[in-house]
Amino acid sequence: MDLAQQKSPTQYETACGDQVDVPWRSPIVKYRGRQVIFCTVDCLKQFQKDPDAFMAGEIVHTNSNKRTKVQPDS
């Protein structure tokens, strides 16, 4: 399943764990072959500095104290 997981009919989870209703209005990039949605451009910029560290939860999200932690596909 893509990182851009649909949580409900109108909610999609971002890389940092926030929710967005309209994913195409948010920054989206490919990471290791999967789509990743970001809640803000600032969040995307943090990701771009060190994508692996961001996705591993080693970088605190710019707009909150959240850390990203992506679960691998099962």
PDB file of N, CA and C in Angstrom:
ATOM      1  N   MET A   1       0.852  -1.187   0.000  1.00  0.00           N
ATOM      2  CA  MET A   1       0.000   0.000   0.000  1.00  0.00           C
ATOM      3  C   MET A   1       0.888   1.238   0.000  1.00  0.00           C
ATOM      4  N   ASP A   2       0.486   2.254  -0.745  1.00  0.00           N
ATOM      5  CA  ASP A   2       1.229   3.510  -0.778  1.00  0.00           C
ATOM      6  C   ASP A   2       1.245   4.170   0.586  1.00  0.00           C
ATOM      7  N   LEU A   3       2.249   5.023   0.807  1.00  0.00           N
ATOM      8  CA  LEU A   3       2.311   5.799   2.043  1.00  0.00           C
ATOM      9  C   LEU A   3       1.131   6.750   2.128  1.00  0.00           C
ATOM     10  N   ALA A   4       0.614   7.139   0.984  1.00  0.00           N
ATOM     11  CA  ALA A   4      -0.540   8.028   0.940  1.00  0.00           C
ATOM     12  C   ALA A   4      -1.790   7.188   1.201  1.00  0.00           C
ATOM     13  N   GLN A   5      -1.883   6.661   2.381  1.00  0.00           N
ATOM     14  CA  GLN A   5      -2.970   5.755   2.726  1.00  0.00           C
ATOM     15  C   GLN A   5      -4.259   6.506   2.973  1.00  0.00           C
ATOM     16  N   GLN A   6      -5.334   5.963   2.435  1.00  0.00           N
ATOM     17  CA  GLN A   6      -6.639   6.563   2.668  1.00  0.00           C
ATOM     18  C   GLN A   6      -7.161   6.060   4.004  1.00  0.00           C
ATOM     19  N   LYS A   7      -7.428   6.980   4.945  1.00  0.00           N
ATOM     20  CA  LYS A   7      -7.893   6.631   6.277  1.00  0.00           C
ATOM     21  C   LYS A   7      -9.411   6.556   6.360  1.00  0.00           C
ATOM     22  N   SER A   8     -10.107   7.316   5.560  1.00  0.00           N
ATOM     23  CA  SER A   8     -11.563   7.287   5.482  1.00  0.00           C
ATOM     24  C   SER A   8     -11.915   7.768   4.083  1.00  0.00           C
ATOM     25  N   PRO A   9     -13.190   7.802   3.722  1.00  0.00           N
ATOM     26  CA  PRO A   9     -13.528   8.245   2.370  1.00  0.00           C
ATOM     27  C   PRO A   9     -13.011   9.639   2.026  1.00  0.00           C
ATOM     28  N   THR A  10     -12.715  10.472   3.031  1.00  0.00           N
ATOM     29  CA  THR A  10     -12.268  11.829   2.730  1.00  0.00           C
ATOM     30  C   THR A  10     -10.984  12.215   3.450  1.00  0.00           C
ATOM     31  N   GLN A  11     -10.300  11.282   4.084  1.00  0.00           N
ATOM     32  CA  GLN A  11      -9.087  11.591   4.825  1.00  0.00           C
ATOM     33  C   GLN A  11      -7.917  10.738   4.329  1.00  0.00           C
ATOM     34  N   TYR A  12      -6.780  11.380   4.079  1.00  0.00           N
ATOM     35  CA  TYR A  12      -5.558  10.699   3.692  1.00  0.00           C
ATOM     36  C   TYR A  12      -4.475  11.058   4.690  1.00  0.00           C
ATOM     37  N   GLU A  13      -3.636  10.092   5.036  1.00  0.00           N
ATOM     38  CA  GLU A  13      -2.571  10.334   6.000  1.00  0.00           C
ATOM     39  C   GLU A  13      -1.330  10.860   5.296  1.00  0.00           C
ATOM     40  N   THR A  14      -0.722  11.888   5.892  1.00  0.00           N
ATOM     41  CA  THR A  14       0.519  12.445   5.354  1.00  0.00           C
ATOM     42  C   THR A  14       1.711  11.705   5.951  1.00  0.00           C
ATOM     43  N   ALA A  15       2.893  11.991   5.443  1.00  0.00           N
ATOM     44  CA  ALA A  15       4.114  11.338   5.923  1.00  0.00           C
ATOM     45  C   ALA A  15       4.336  11.560   7.407  1.00  0.00           C
ATOM     46  N   CYS A  16       3.897  12.689   7.931  1.00  0.00           N
ATOM     47  CA  CYS A  16       4.131  13.005   9.337  1.00  0.00           C
ATOM     48  C   CYS A  16       2.956  12.594  10.220  1.00  0.00           C
ATOM     49  N   GLY A  17       1.934  11.975   9.632  1.00  0.00           N
ATOM     50  CA  GLY A  17       0.816  11.479  10.428  1.00  0.00           C
ATOM     51  C   GLY A  17      -0.378  12.409  10.502  1.00  0.00           C
ATOM     52  N   ASP A  18      -0.295  13.580   9.873  1.00  0.00           N
ATOM     53  CA  ASP A  18      -1.453  14.468   9.819  1.00  0.00           C
ATOM     54  C   ASP A  18      -2.461  13.912   8.819  1.00  0.00           C
ATOM     55  N   GLN A  19      -3.610  14.546   8.739  1.00  0.00           N
ATOM     56  CA  GLN A  19      -4.664  14.128   7.817  1.00  0.00           C
ATOM     57  C   GLN A  19      -4.958  15.255   6.830  1.00  0.00           C
ATOM     58  N   VAL A  20      -5.194  14.888   5.570  1.00  0.00           N
ATOM     59  CA  VAL A  20      -5.627  15.860   4.561  1.00  0.00           C
ATOM     60  C   VAL A  20      -6.852  15.310   3.859  1.00  0.00           C
ATOM     61  N   ASP A  21      -7.752  16.209   3.464  1.00  0.00           N
ATOM     62  CA  ASP A  21      -8.972  15.801   2.765  1.00  0.00           C
ATOM     63  C   ASP A  21      -8.762  15.694   1.259  1.00  0.00           C
ATOM     64  N   VAL A  22      -7.938  16.574   0.709  1.00  0.00           N
ATOM     65  CA  VAL A  22      -7.734  16.640  -0.734  1.00  0.00           C
ATOM     66  C   VAL A  22      -6.232  16.493  -1.008  1.00  0.00           C
ATOM     67  N   PRO A  23      -5.760  15.267  -1.215  1.00  0.00           N
ATOM     68  CA  PRO A  23      -4.319  15.043  -1.299  1.00  0.00           C
ATOM     69  C   PRO A  23      -3.624  15.766  -2.443  1.00  0.00           C
ATOM     70  N   TRP A  24      -4.301  15.997  -3.552  1.00  0.00           N
ATOM     71  CA  TRP A  24      -3.635  16.658  -4.678  1.00  0.00           C
ATOM     72  C   TRP A  24      -3.391  18.141  -4.422  1.00  0.00           C
ATOM     73  N   ARG A  25      -3.896  18.683  -3.325  1.00  0.00           N
ATOM     74  CA  ARG A  25      -3.593  20.066  -2.937  1.00  0.00           C
ATOM     75  C   ARG A  25      -2.353  20.136  -2.052  1.00  0.00           C
ATOM     76  N   SER A  26      -1.827  18.995  -1.682  1.00  0.00           N
ATOM     77  CA  SER A  26      -0.655  18.915  -0.818  1.00  0.00           C
ATOM     78  C   SER A  26       0.557  18.496  -1.640  1.00  0.00           C
ATOM     79  N   PRO A  27       1.766  18.835  -1.169  1.00  0.00           N
ATOM     80  CA  PRO A  27       2.963  18.365  -1.877  1.00  0.00           C
ATOM     81  C   PRO A  27       3.014  16.830  -1.851  1.00  0.00           C
ATOM     82  N   ILE A  28       3.317  16.245  -2.998  1.00  0.00           N
ATOM     83  CA  ILE A  28       3.420  14.793  -3.125  1.00  0.00           C
ATOM     84  C   ILE A  28       4.706  14.475  -3.873  1.00  0.00           C
ATOM     85  N   VAL A  29       5.476  13.524  -3.370  1.00  0.00           N
ATOM     86  CA  VAL A  29       6.682  13.068  -4.058  1.00  0.00           C
ATOM     87  C   VAL A  29       6.721  11.546  -4.040  1.00  0.00           C
ATOM     88  N   LYS A  30       7.588  10.989  -4.853  1.00  0.00           N
ATOM     89  CA  LYS A  30       7.840   9.549  -4.836  1.00  0.00           C
ATOM     90  C   LYS A  30       9.031   9.304  -3.917  1.00  0.00           C
ATOM     91  N   TYR A  31       8.899   8.313  -3.059  1.00  0.00           N
ATOM     92  CA  TYR A  31       9.980   7.897  -2.171  1.00  0.00           C
ATOM     93  C   TYR A  31      10.045   6.383  -2.221  1.00  0.00           C
ATOM     94  N   ARG A  32      11.140   5.882  -2.723  1.00  0.00           N
ATOM     95  CA  ARG A  32      11.328   4.432  -2.843  1.00  0.00           C
ATOM     96  C   ARG A  32      10.163   3.770  -3.570  1.00  0.00           C
ATOM     97  N   GLY A  33       9.701   4.428  -4.645  1.00  0.00           N
ATOM     98  CA  GLY A  33       8.654   3.871  -5.485  1.00  0.00           C
ATOM     99  C   GLY A  33       7.236   4.048  -4.984  1.00  0.00           C
ATOM    100  N   ARG A  34       7.061   4.776  -3.880  1.00  0.00           N
ATOM    101  CA  ARG A  34       5.716   4.961  -3.312  1.00  0.00           C
ATOM    102  C   ARG A  34       5.416   6.448  -3.195  1.00  0.00           C
ATOM    103  N   GLN A  35       4.144   6.807  -3.313  1.00  0.00           N
ATOM    104  CA  GLN A  35       3.720   8.195  -3.153  1.00  0.00           C
ATOM    105  C   GLN A  35       3.741   8.587  -1.687  1.00  0.00           C
ATOM    106  N   VAL A  36       4.265   9.787  -1.429  1.00  0.00           N
ATOM    107  CA  VAL A  36       4.275  10.322  -0.073  1.00  0.00           C
ATOM    108  C   VAL A  36       3.609  11.697  -0.122  1.00  0.00           C
ATOM    109  N   ILE A  37       2.592  11.897   0.716  1.00  0.00           N
ATOM    110  CA  ILE A  37       1.893  13.182   0.814  1.00  0.00           C
ATOM    111  C   ILE A  37       2.451  13.932   2.013  1.00  0.00           C
ATOM    112  N   PHE A  38       2.667  15.239   1.834  1.00  0.00           N
ATOM    113  CA  PHE A  38       3.135  16.090   2.919  1.00  0.00           C
ATOM    114  C   PHE A  38       2.061  17.115   3.240  1.00  0.00           C
ATOM    115  N   CYS A  39       1.957  17.480   4.512  1.00  0.00           N
ATOM    116  CA  CYS A  39       0.897  18.396   4.933  1.00  0.00           C
ATOM    117  C   CYS A  39       1.198  19.829   4.512  1.00  0.00           C
ATOM    118  N   THR A  40       2.473  20.190   4.423  1.00  0.00           N
ATOM    119  CA  THR A  40       2.860  21.557   4.047  1.00  0.00           C
ATOM    120  C   THR A  40       4.142  21.515   3.221  1.00  0.00           C
ATOM    121  N   VAL A  41       4.455  22.629   2.604  1.00  0.00           N
ATOM    122  CA  VAL A  41       5.717  22.759   1.876  1.00  0.00           C
ATOM    123  C   VAL A  41       6.889  22.688   2.852  1.00  0.00           C
ATOM    124  N   ASP A  42       6.731  23.252   4.054  1.00  0.00           N
ATOM    125  CA  ASP A  42       7.792  23.175   5.062  1.00  0.00           C
ATOM    126  C   ASP A  42       8.099  21.723   5.425  1.00  0.00           C
ATOM    127  N   CYS A  43       7.071  20.922   5.541  1.00  0.00           N
ATOM    128  CA  CYS A  43       7.244  19.503   5.831  1.00  0.00           C
ATOM    129  C   CYS A  43       8.034  18.834   4.696  1.00  0.00           C
ATOM    130  N   LEU A  44       7.679  19.134   3.467  1.00  0.00           N
ATOM    131  CA  LEU A  44       8.386  18.606   2.305  1.00  0.00           C
ATOM    132  C   LEU A  44       9.851  19.041   2.320  1.00  0.00           C
ATOM    133  N   LYS A  45      10.115  20.296   2.667  1.00  0.00           N
ATOM    134  CA  LYS A  45      11.497  20.788   2.707  1.00  0.00           C
ATOM    135  C   LYS A  45      12.329  20.035   3.740  1.00  0.00           C
ATOM    136  N   GLN A  46      11.732  19.725   4.882  1.00  0.00           N
ATOM    137  CA  GLN A  46      12.433  18.932   5.900  1.00  0.00           C
ATOM    138  C   GLN A  46      12.767  17.553   5.340  1.00  0.00           C
ATOM    139  N   PHE A  47      11.819  16.948   4.633  1.00  0.00           N
ATOM    140  CA  PHE A  47      12.025  15.648   3.994  1.00  0.00           C
ATOM    141  C   PHE A  47      13.168  15.717   2.994  1.00  0.00           C
ATOM    142  N   GLN A  48      13.201  16.769   2.178  1.00  0.00           N
ATOM    143  CA  GLN A  48      14.199  16.886   1.123  1.00  0.00           C
ATOM    144  C   GLN A  48      15.624  17.028   1.661  1.00  0.00           C
ATOM    145  N   LYS A  49      15.774  17.517   2.878  1.00  0.00           N
ATOM    146  CA  LYS A  49      17.106  17.647   3.480  1.00  0.00           C
ATOM    147  C   LYS A  49      17.742  16.279   3.722  1.00  0.00           C
ATOM    148  N   ASP A  50      16.929  15.316   4.155  1.00  0.00           N
ATOM    149  CA  ASP A  50      17.418  13.962   4.433  1.00  0.00           C
ATOM    150  C   ASP A  50      16.223  13.006   4.431  1.00  0.00           C
ATOM    151  N   PRO A  51      15.804  12.552   3.238  1.00  0.00           N
ATOM    152  CA  PRO A  51      14.598  11.729   3.133  1.00  0.00           C
ATOM    153  C   PRO A  51      14.595  10.488   4.026  1.00  0.00           C
ATOM    154  N   ASP A  52      15.698   9.774   4.084  1.00  0.00           N
ATOM    155  CA  ASP A  52      15.722   8.545   4.881  1.00  0.00           C
ATOM    156  C   ASP A  52      15.553   8.845   6.367  1.00  0.00           C
ATOM    157  N   ALA A  53      16.241   9.864   6.861  1.00  0.00           N
ATOM    158  CA  ALA A  53      16.112  10.229   8.280  1.00  0.00           C
ATOM    159  C   ALA A  53      14.701  10.718   8.587  1.00  0.00           C
ATOM    160  N   PHE A  54      14.119  11.495   7.682  1.00  0.00           N
ATOM    161  CA  PHE A  54      12.751  11.989   7.881  1.00  0.00           C
ATOM    162  C   PHE A  54      11.773  10.833   8.000  1.00  0.00           C
ATOM    163  N   MET A  55      11.861   9.893   7.063  1.00  0.00           N
ATOM    164  CA  MET A  55      10.920   8.785   7.044  1.00  0.00           C
ATOM    165  C   MET A  55      11.164   7.790   8.187  1.00  0.00           C
ATOM    166  N   ALA A  56      12.365   7.794   8.747  1.00  0.00           N
ATOM    167  CA  ALA A  56      12.673   6.918   9.873  1.00  0.00           C
ATOM    168  C   ALA A  56      12.250   7.520  11.208  1.00  0.00           C
ATOM    169  N   GLY A  57      11.782   8.775  11.176  1.00  0.00           N
ATOM    170  CA  GLY A  57      11.341   9.411  12.406  1.00  0.00           C
ATOM    171  C   GLY A  57      12.445  10.107  13.166  1.00  0.00           C
ATOM    172  N   GLU A  58      13.559  10.324  12.528  1.00  0.00           N
ATOM    173  CA  GLU A  58      14.697  10.960  13.180  1.00  0.00           C
ATOM    174  C   GLU A  58      14.628  12.481  13.132  1.00  0.00           C
ATOM    175  N   ILE A  59      13.706  13.025  12.355  1.00  0.00           N
ATOM    176  CA  ILE A  59      13.566  14.475  12.208  1.00  0.00           C
ATOM    177  C   ILE A  59      12.210  14.888  12.750  1.00  0.00           C
ATOM    178  N   VAL A  60      12.195  15.872  13.626  1.00  0.00           N
ATOM    179  CA  VAL A  60      10.939  16.384  14.168  1.00  0.00           C
ATOM    180  C   VAL A  60      10.267  17.211  13.097  1.00  0.00           C
ATOM    181  N   HIS A  61       8.969  16.987  12.923  1.00  0.00           N
ATOM    182  CA  HIS A  61       8.186  17.727  11.935  1.00  0.00           C
ATOM    183  C   HIS A  61       8.230  19.220  12.233  1.00  0.00           C
ATOM    184  N   THR A  62       8.393  20.033  11.222  1.00  0.00           N
ATOM    185  CA  THR A  62       8.557  21.478  11.365  1.00  0.00           C
ATOM    186  C   THR A  62       7.393  22.147  12.076  1.00  0.00           C
ATOM    187  N   ASN A  63       6.170  21.732  11.779  1.00  0.00           N
ATOM    188  CA  ASN A  63       4.990  22.425  12.293  1.00  0.00           C
ATOM    189  C   ASN A  63       4.417  21.801  13.564  1.00  0.00           C
ATOM    190  N   SER A  64       5.100  20.819  14.111  1.00  0.00           N
ATOM    191  CA  SER A  64       4.620  20.174  15.327  1.00  0.00           C
ATOM    192  C   SER A  64       5.777  19.435  15.971  1.00  0.00           C
ATOM    193  N   ASN A  65       5.502  18.693  17.006  1.00  0.00           N
ATOM    194  CA  ASN A  65       6.526  17.872  17.641  1.00  0.00           C
ATOM    195  C   ASN A  65       6.481  16.437  17.144  1.00  0.00           C
ATOM    196  N   LYS A  66       5.737  16.206  16.079  1.00  0.00           N
ATOM    197  CA  LYS A  66       5.590  14.845  15.570  1.00  0.00           C
ATOM    198  C   LYS A  66       6.878  14.369  14.906  1.00  0.00           C
ATOM    199  N   ARG A  67       7.096  13.099  15.017  1.00  0.00           N
ATOM    200  CA  ARG A  67       8.175  12.457  14.279  1.00  0.00           C
ATOM    201  C   ARG A  67       7.524  11.476  13.305  1.00  0.00           C
ATOM    202  N   THR A  68       8.083  11.389  12.134  1.00  0.00           N
ATOM    203  CA  THR A  68       7.564  10.490  11.127  1.00  0.00           C
ATOM    204  C   THR A  68       8.065   9.087  11.419  1.00  0.00           C
ATOM    205  N   LYS A  69       7.211   8.115  11.332  1.00  0.00           N
ATOM    206  CA  LYS A  69       7.632   6.725  11.446  1.00  0.00           C
ATOM    207  C   LYS A  69       6.790   5.922  10.474  1.00  0.00           C
ATOM    208  N   VAL A  70       7.393   5.497   9.400  1.00  0.00           N
ATOM    209  CA  VAL A  70       6.672   4.776   8.365  1.00  0.00           C
ATOM    210  C   VAL A  70       6.772   3.285   8.627  1.00  0.00           C
ATOM    211  N   GLN A  71       5.646   2.626   8.605  1.00  0.00           N
ATOM    212  CA  GLN A  71       5.615   1.178   8.771  1.00  0.00           C
ATOM    213  C   GLN A  71       5.845   0.530   7.422  1.00  0.00           C
ATOM    214  N   PRO A  72       6.724  -0.449   7.349  1.00  0.00           N
ATOM    215  CA  PRO A  72       6.960  -1.128   6.064  1.00  0.00           C
ATOM    216  C   PRO A  72       5.728  -1.902   5.619  1.00  0.00           C
ATOM    217  N   ASP A  73       5.615  -2.093   4.320  1.00  0.00           N
ATOM    218  CA  ASP A  73       4.511  -2.919   3.796  1.00  0.00           C
ATOM    219  C   ASP A  73       4.640  -4.321   4.349  1.00  0.00           C
ATOM    220  N   SER A  74       3.496  -4.942   4.608  1.00  0.00           N
ATOM    221  CA  SER A  74       3.547  -6.343   5.068  1.00  0.00           C
ATOM    222  C   SER A  74       3.190  -7.270   3.953  1.00  0.00           C
TER     223      SER A  74
END
